[in-house]
Amino acid sequence: MLVLGVDSGTLSTGYGLVEQRGSRLYALDYGAIRNKPATPHPERLFAIQERMQALIRLHHPDRLALENVFVSKNARSALVLGQVRGVVMATAIGEGVAVQEYAPNQVKIAVCGYGHAEKGQVQNMVKVILGLQAIPKPNDASDALALAICAILRETFTSKTEMRG
């Protein structure tokens, strides 16, 4: 199974591709799509769409994992983040890739075993689970890898429990 995790943002959208081979998980690619602050918002969205499409066409993931929308005190920030998420979801669906959403605490439980884990704990566990030499940078990429790990572990758990039931 190959999952593309995406941590949405207009200036930096993190991505991470995780593949499951047997009982091991491997990071195949990760990084961030970066936009300059001076770039107009519609152009940022288009750049994210183009790079997402290129990543999907290059790697052919089985699914895309996104974090659920959180409630923000800043309505403008929530709206902008929602637009980025919409572009990412529409691009994935347009390329035939299923989209799954996870709450932040679901990701933390899957990666750390604790739903209130600190960001540093999650980053360190991503490094350990994927057998990396260092914590993936930038932070958006590490978050995206955590989303992909969560999707794989939840799918593995679900398929194993369905076999027993």
Protein backbone atom coordinates (compact mmCIF):
# COMPACT_ATOMS: atom_id res chain seq x y z
CA MET A 1 0.00 0.00 0.00
CA LEU A 2 1.24 3.50 -0.86
CA VAL A 3 -0.23 6.57 0.83
CA LEU A 4 0.38 10.24 0.13
CA GLY A 5 -0.04 12.31 3.29
CA VAL A 6 -0.62 16.04 2.86
CA ASP A 7 -0.34 18.78 5.48
CA SER A 8 -2.17 21.72 3.90
CA GLY A 9 -0.97 25.32 3.96
CA THR A 10 -0.79 28.18 1.47
CA LEU A 11 2.85 29.07 2.03
CA SER A 12 4.02 25.53 2.71
CA THR A 13 2.08 22.37 1.94
CA GLY A 14 3.88 19.33 3.26
CA TYR A 15 3.74 15.99 1.52
CA GLY A 16 5.00 12.54 2.39
CA LEU A 17 4.74 9.23 0.58
CA VAL A 18 4.83 6.13 2.75
CA GLU A 19 4.82 2.60 1.40
CA GLN A 20 4.01 -0.53 3.35
CA ARG A 21 5.99 -3.64 2.40
CA GLY A 22 5.07 -6.51 4.66
CA SER A 23 5.17 -5.19 8.20
CA ARG A 24 7.63 -2.37 7.42
CA LEU A 25 6.90 1.22 6.44
CA TYR A 26 9.21 3.22 4.17
CA ALA A 27 9.35 6.91 3.28
CA LEU A 28 9.63 7.10 -0.51
CA ASP A 29 9.48 10.87 -0.91
CA TYR A 30 8.74 13.88 1.26
CA GLY A 31 9.09 17.63 1.25
CA ALA A 32 7.03 20.76 0.91
CA ILE A 33 5.42 22.78 -1.84
CA ARG A 34 6.51 26.31 -1.05
CA ASN A 35 4.88 29.53 -2.15
CA LYS A 36 6.29 33.02 -1.72
CA PRO A 37 4.30 35.37 0.51
CA ALA A 38 4.06 37.90 -2.34
CA THR A 39 2.42 35.36 -4.67
CA PRO A 40 -1.30 36.09 -5.13
CA HIS A 41 -3.57 33.55 -3.45
CA PRO A 42 -5.10 32.11 -6.67
CA GLU A 43 -1.60 31.50 -8.04
CA ARG A 44 -0.59 29.75 -4.80
CA LEU A 45 -3.59 27.43 -5.14
CA PHE A 46 -2.70 26.69 -8.75
CA ALA A 47 0.93 25.92 -7.83
CA ILE A 48 -0.26 23.49 -5.14
CA GLN A 49 -2.63 21.83 -7.62
CA GLU A 50 0.10 21.43 -10.24
CA ARG A 51 2.64 19.95 -7.81
CA MET A 52 0.05 17.62 -6.24
CA GLN A 53 -0.94 16.38 -9.68
CA ALA A 54 2.72 15.79 -10.58
CA LEU A 55 3.35 13.87 -7.33
CA ILE A 56 0.27 11.70 -7.86
CA ARG A 57 1.17 10.97 -11.48
CA LEU A 58 4.77 10.14 -10.55
CA HIS A 59 4.04 7.85 -7.59
CA HIS A 60 0.46 6.56 -8.17
CA PRO A 61 -0.55 6.41 -4.48
CA ASP A 62 -3.44 4.19 -3.43
CA ARG A 63 -4.91 6.97 -1.31
CA LEU A 64 -4.33 10.46 0.01
CA ALA A 65 -4.52 11.26 3.73
CA LEU A 66 -5.46 14.73 5.01
CA GLU A 67 -6.01 16.19 8.43
CA ASN A 68 -9.62 17.11 9.27
CA VAL A 69 -10.37 20.81 9.40
CA PHE A 70 -9.94 22.27 12.83
CA VAL A 71 -11.97 25.16 14.15
CA SER A 72 -9.94 28.35 14.05
CA LYS A 73 -10.41 31.61 15.90
CA ASN A 74 -9.35 33.36 12.71
CA ALA A 75 -12.08 32.92 10.10
CA ARG A 76 -9.85 34.12 7.26
CA SER A 77 -7.17 31.53 8.09
CA ALA A 78 -9.78 28.78 8.23
CA LEU A 79 -11.22 29.84 4.88
CA VAL A 80 -7.80 29.93 3.19
CA LEU A 81 -6.86 26.54 4.64
CA GLY A 82 -10.19 25.14 3.43
CA GLN A 83 -9.43 26.36 -0.08
CA VAL A 84 -6.04 24.61 -0.06
CA ARG A 85 -7.63 21.40 1.24
CA GLY A 86 -10.28 21.64 -1.49
CA VAL A 87 -7.63 21.94 -4.19
CA VAL A 88 -5.73 18.95 -2.78
CA MET A 89 -8.88 16.81 -2.49
CA ALA A 90 -10.18 17.71 -5.95
CA THR A 91 -6.77 17.01 -7.51
CA ALA A 92 -6.58 13.59 -5.86
CA ILE A 93 -10.13 12.63 -6.83
CA GLY A 94 -9.52 13.88 -10.37
CA GLU A 95 -6.51 11.56 -10.58
CA GLY A 96 -8.52 8.60 -9.26
CA VAL A 97 -7.02 8.60 -5.75
CA ALA A 98 -9.31 8.05 -2.75
CA VAL A 99 -9.15 10.70 -0.02
CA GLN A 100 -9.31 9.96 3.70
CA GLU A 101 -9.41 12.51 6.51
CA TYR A 102 -8.12 12.06 10.05
CA ALA A 103 -8.49 14.12 13.20
CA PRO A 104 -5.22 15.34 14.73
CA ASN A 105 -5.67 13.10 17.78
CA GLN A 106 -6.18 10.05 15.50
CA VAL A 107 -2.81 10.75 13.88
CA LYS A 108 -1.12 11.18 17.27
CA ILE A 109 -2.64 7.94 18.59
CA ALA A 110 -1.56 6.01 15.49
CA VAL A 111 2.00 7.34 15.55
CA CYS A 112 2.66 7.79 19.30
CA GLY A 113 -0.06 5.81 21.05
CA TYR A 114 -1.26 8.99 22.80
CA GLY A 115 -3.80 11.45 21.42
CA HIS A 116 -2.27 14.49 23.12
CA ALA A 117 1.35 13.87 22.11
CA GLU A 118 3.51 16.94 21.54
CA LYS A 119 4.71 17.85 18.06
CA GLY A 120 8.29 16.81 18.91
CA GLN A 121 7.12 13.37 20.04
CA VAL A 122 5.24 12.85 16.78
CA GLN A 123 8.25 13.95 14.72
CA ASN A 124 10.57 11.61 16.60
CA MET A 125 8.21 8.65 16.21
CA VAL A 126 7.89 9.36 12.46
CA LYS A 127 11.69 9.11 12.29
CA VAL A 128 11.72 5.84 14.27
CA ILE A 129 8.80 4.18 12.45
CA LEU A 130 10.26 4.97 9.02
CA GLY A 131 13.85 4.14 10.02
CA LEU A 132 15.14 7.58 9.05
CA GLN A 133 18.48 9.01 10.21
CA ALA A 134 16.95 12.35 11.21
CA ILE A 135 13.58 13.94 11.82
CA PRO A 136 12.14 14.83 8.39
CA LYS A 137 12.31 18.51 7.50
CA PRO A 138 10.49 20.76 7.03
CA ASN A 139 7.96 20.23 9.82
CA ASP A 140 5.13 20.17 7.26
CA ALA A 141 6.74 17.12 5.63
CA SER A 142 7.02 15.36 8.98
CA ASP A 143 3.33 16.07 9.64
CA ALA A 144 2.43 14.74 6.18
CA LEU A 145 4.41 11.54 6.80
CA ALA A 146 2.56 11.12 10.12
CA LEU A 147 -0.75 11.37 8.24
CA ALA A 148 0.37 8.70 5.76
CA ILE A 149 1.53 6.42 8.59
CA CYS A 150 -1.84 6.88 10.32
CA ALA A 151 -3.74 5.93 7.16
CA ILE A 152 -1.68 2.77 6.66
CA LEU A 153 -1.86 1.65 10.29
CA ARG A 154 -5.61 2.26 10.49
CA GLU A 155 -6.17 0.37 7.22
CA THR A 156 -4.00 -2.52 8.41
CA PHE A 157 -5.84 -2.67 11.74
CA THR A 158 -9.26 -2.47 10.06
CA SER A 159 -8.49 -5.22 7.55
CA LYS A 160 -7.13 -7.51 10.29
CA THR A 161 -10.15 -6.98 12.55
CA GLU A 162 -12.55 -7.54 9.65
CA MET A 163 -10.88 -10.89 8.90
CA ARG A 164 -11.52 -12.02 12.47
CA GLY A 165 -15.11 -10.81 12.55
